[in-house]
């Protein structure tokens, strides 16, 4: 939760009027390298969502995360552990390990009952867009895919693109903001 990208993202979302609630998985808090087992991760997501709802009961709640945090959020939602959540936002959904394309990590998404926003870089080695696009199409209208040209899994873009990481951050925030407004209307 203290990663510089997540801090900058939280600040930019706040500036756009979107409150954030960051939390750590137990293995990160304990400074262990190996992630906790999925039941611990999904329980952590559910506890964080509940704490956020209690802290700000009048606000509509979105849940999500960066990479594995997003995947565990969608897993928790597929298990009906996030009933208070209106939508899910994934910053770099890890569809598969780098250089090992596959779709098994997406099988649970069909069980998610709320809207989902996938924000993916076109150079993200954790999500081959040739695999992710059809998944999002199949999940439509529940799933929306927004790609960031030339961005990698960390949403970094090469200098040769003429685009800055800050511009990418603003694109992410604008996309989340517009999407959140859209789902509030429904």
Protein backbone atom coordinates (compact mmCIF):
# COMPACT_ATOMS: atom_id res chain seq x y z
CA UNK A 1 0.00 0.00 0.00
CA UNK A 2 3.02 2.24 0.38
CA UNK A 3 4.28 1.72 -3.16
CA UNK A 4 4.96 5.03 -4.90
CA UNK A 5 2.51 4.25 -7.74
CA UNK A 6 -0.31 3.45 -5.31
CA UNK A 7 0.41 6.58 -3.29
CA UNK A 8 0.37 8.76 -6.39
CA UNK A 9 -2.79 7.04 -7.61
CA UNK A 10 -4.54 7.56 -4.26
CA UNK A 11 -3.55 11.23 -4.26
CA UNK A 12 -4.75 11.73 -7.84
CA UNK A 13 -8.05 9.94 -7.15
CA UNK A 14 -8.54 12.09 -4.05
CA UNK A 15 -7.96 15.24 -6.12
CA UNK A 16 -10.73 13.99 -8.44
CA UNK A 17 -13.11 13.55 -5.50
CA UNK A 18 -12.68 9.79 -5.11
CA UNK A 19 -11.70 8.65 -1.62
CA UNK A 20 -9.40 5.66 -1.29
CA UNK A 21 -8.87 3.12 1.46
CA UNK A 22 -5.52 1.35 1.26
CA UNK A 23 -4.56 -1.71 3.25
CA UNK A 24 -1.85 -4.37 3.44
CA UNK A 25 -2.11 -8.11 3.00
CA UNK A 26 -0.72 -9.93 6.07
CA UNK A 27 2.34 -11.24 4.24
CA UNK A 28 3.29 -7.70 3.19
CA UNK A 29 2.74 -6.37 6.70
CA UNK A 30 4.97 -9.14 8.05
CA UNK A 31 7.56 -8.48 5.31
CA UNK A 32 7.36 -12.03 3.96
CA UNK A 33 8.11 -12.71 0.30
CA UNK A 34 5.55 -15.45 -0.28
CA UNK A 35 1.95 -14.32 -0.53
CA UNK A 36 -0.65 -15.65 1.87
CA UNK A 37 -2.97 -18.43 0.73
CA UNK A 38 -6.03 -17.23 -1.25
CA UNK A 39 -8.50 -17.66 1.66
CA UNK A 40 -6.39 -15.27 3.77
CA UNK A 41 -6.08 -12.82 0.88
CA UNK A 42 -9.81 -12.79 0.09
CA UNK A 43 -10.70 -12.48 3.79
CA UNK A 44 -8.36 -9.48 3.98
CA UNK A 45 -10.08 -7.89 0.98
CA UNK A 46 -13.51 -8.51 2.54
CA UNK A 47 -12.39 -7.03 5.88
CA UNK A 48 -10.97 -3.95 4.15
CA UNK A 49 -14.18 -3.41 2.17
CA UNK A 50 -16.22 -3.72 5.36
CA UNK A 51 -13.95 -1.25 7.17
CA UNK A 52 -14.21 1.21 4.28
CA UNK A 53 -18.01 0.94 4.28
CA UNK A 54 -18.13 1.52 8.05
CA UNK A 55 -15.76 4.50 7.80
CA UNK A 56 -17.84 6.19 5.10
CA UNK A 57 -21.31 4.59 5.18
CA UNK A 58 -22.95 7.14 2.91
CA UNK A 59 -20.61 6.71 -0.04
CA UNK A 60 -21.00 4.15 -2.82
CA UNK A 61 -18.15 1.66 -2.53
CA UNK A 62 -15.87 0.44 -5.30
CA UNK A 63 -13.21 -2.16 -4.61
CA UNK A 64 -10.17 -3.18 -6.56
CA UNK A 65 -6.47 -3.15 -6.61
CA UNK A 66 -3.20 -3.34 -8.46
CA UNK A 67 -2.15 -6.69 -9.89
CA UNK A 68 -2.68 -9.51 -7.36
CA UNK A 69 -4.71 -7.16 -5.16
CA UNK A 70 -7.19 -6.76 -8.00
CA UNK A 71 -7.30 -10.49 -8.68
CA UNK A 72 -7.97 -11.24 -5.01
CA UNK A 73 -10.66 -8.56 -4.98
CA UNK A 74 -12.40 -10.17 -7.95
CA UNK A 75 -12.01 -13.58 -6.30
CA UNK A 76 -13.63 -12.25 -3.12
CA UNK A 77 -16.45 -10.74 -5.18
CA UNK A 78 -16.97 -14.04 -7.02
CA UNK A 79 -17.36 -15.72 -3.60
CA UNK A 80 -20.01 -13.14 -2.61
CA UNK A 81 -17.76 -11.67 0.09
CA UNK A 82 -18.18 -8.07 -1.16
CA UNK A 83 -21.95 -7.58 -1.19
CA UNK A 84 -21.61 -3.91 -0.18
CA UNK A 85 -19.52 -3.10 -3.29
CA UNK A 86 -21.01 -1.42 -6.41
CA UNK A 87 -18.11 -2.12 -8.81
CA UNK A 88 -14.56 -3.41 -9.15
CA UNK A 89 -11.56 -1.58 -10.59
CA UNK A 90 -8.42 -3.45 -11.65
CA UNK A 91 -5.16 -1.63 -12.25
CA UNK A 92 -3.21 -4.18 -14.26
CA UNK A 93 -5.20 -7.40 -13.84
CA UNK A 94 -2.67 -10.28 -13.74
CA UNK A 95 -4.31 -12.67 -16.20
CA UNK A 96 -1.22 -14.89 -16.32
CA UNK A 97 2.45 -14.92 -15.33
CA UNK A 98 4.81 -13.14 -17.74
CA UNK A 99 5.58 -15.18 -20.86
CA UNK A 100 3.09 -17.89 -19.83
CA UNK A 101 -0.19 -16.87 -21.49
CA UNK A 102 -3.32 -18.46 -20.12
CA UNK A 103 -6.82 -17.68 -18.93
CA UNK A 104 -7.33 -19.87 -15.86
CA UNK A 105 -6.97 -16.83 -13.58
CA UNK A 106 -10.10 -15.39 -15.19
CA UNK A 107 -12.43 -18.35 -14.70
CA UNK A 108 -13.97 -16.90 -11.53
CA UNK A 109 -14.90 -13.60 -13.21
CA UNK A 110 -18.15 -15.05 -14.59
CA UNK A 111 -19.37 -15.31 -10.97
CA UNK A 112 -18.82 -11.61 -10.26
CA UNK A 113 -22.19 -9.83 -10.14
CA UNK A 114 -21.05 -6.19 -10.19
CA UNK A 115 -19.51 -4.08 -12.94
CA UNK A 116 -15.77 -4.41 -13.53
CA UNK A 117 -13.28 -1.96 -15.02
CA UNK A 118 -10.02 -3.40 -16.34
CA UNK A 119 -7.24 -0.85 -16.83
CA UNK A 120 -4.40 -2.46 -18.77
CA UNK A 121 -1.24 -1.31 -20.45
CA UNK A 122 -0.72 -2.56 -23.99
CA UNK A 123 2.78 -3.71 -23.01
CA UNK A 124 1.65 -5.49 -19.83
CA UNK A 125 3.36 -8.89 -19.82
CA UNK A 126 0.90 -10.13 -17.17
CA UNK A 127 -2.10 -9.82 -19.51
CA UNK A 128 -1.93 -10.65 -23.20
CA UNK A 129 -4.65 -8.44 -24.64
CA UNK A 130 -5.40 -11.10 -27.26
CA UNK A 131 -6.63 -13.17 -24.33
CA UNK A 132 -8.09 -10.45 -22.11
CA UNK A 133 -10.17 -8.70 -24.77
CA UNK A 134 -12.34 -11.77 -25.54
CA UNK A 135 -12.83 -12.39 -21.82
CA UNK A 136 -14.08 -8.83 -21.31
CA UNK A 137 -16.30 -9.13 -24.39
CA UNK A 138 -17.78 -12.36 -23.04
CA UNK A 139 -18.41 -10.71 -19.67
CA UNK A 140 -20.00 -7.65 -21.28
CA UNK A 141 -21.84 -5.55 -20.19
CA UNK A 142 -20.40 -6.31 -16.72
CA UNK A 143 -16.80 -5.76 -17.88
CA UNK A 144 -15.19 -2.70 -19.44
CA UNK A 145 -11.62 -2.79 -20.75
CA UNK A 146 -9.62 0.41 -21.06
CA UNK A 147 -6.13 0.09 -22.49
CA UNK A 148 -3.27 2.51 -22.00
CA UNK A 149 -1.10 2.61 -25.10
CA UNK A 150 2.54 1.65 -24.53
CA UNK A 151 2.13 1.22 -20.76
CA UNK A 152 3.58 -1.79 -18.96
CA UNK A 153 2.22 -3.61 -15.89
CA UNK A 154 3.29 -0.68 -13.70
CA UNK A 155 1.74 1.81 -16.12
CA UNK A 156 5.18 3.12 -17.04
CA UNK A 157 5.58 4.34 -20.63
CA UNK A 158 8.88 4.69 -22.50
CA UNK A 159 10.12 8.24 -23.06
CA UNK A 160 10.05 7.56 -26.81
CA UNK A 161 6.22 7.68 -26.71
CA UNK A 162 6.27 11.37 -25.86
CA UNK A 163 3.88 10.61 -23.01
CA UNK A 164 4.76 10.87 -19.32
CA UNK A 165 3.86 8.57 -16.45
CA UNK A 166 1.97 11.50 -14.93
CA UNK A 167 -0.18 11.76 -18.07
CA UNK A 168 -0.89 8.03 -17.79
CA UNK A 169 -1.87 8.50 -14.15
CA UNK A 170 -4.30 11.25 -15.14
CA UNK A 171 -5.78 9.01 -17.84
CA UNK A 172 -6.31 6.27 -15.27
CA UNK A 173 -8.03 8.67 -12.87
CA UNK A 174 -10.22 10.21 -15.57
CA UNK A 175 -11.27 6.74 -16.74
CA UNK A 176 -12.12 5.57 -13.21
CA UNK A 177 -14.01 8.78 -12.49
CA UNK A 178 -16.11 8.60 -15.68
CA UNK A 179 -16.79 4.89 -15.21
CA UNK A 180 -17.81 5.37 -11.56
CA UNK A 181 -20.23 8.13 -12.54
CA UNK A 182 -21.70 5.90 -15.24
CA UNK A 183 -22.35 2.95 -12.92
CA UNK A 184 -23.90 5.24 -10.28
CA UNK A 185 -26.61 6.10 -12.82
CA UNK A 186 -27.59 2.47 -13.23
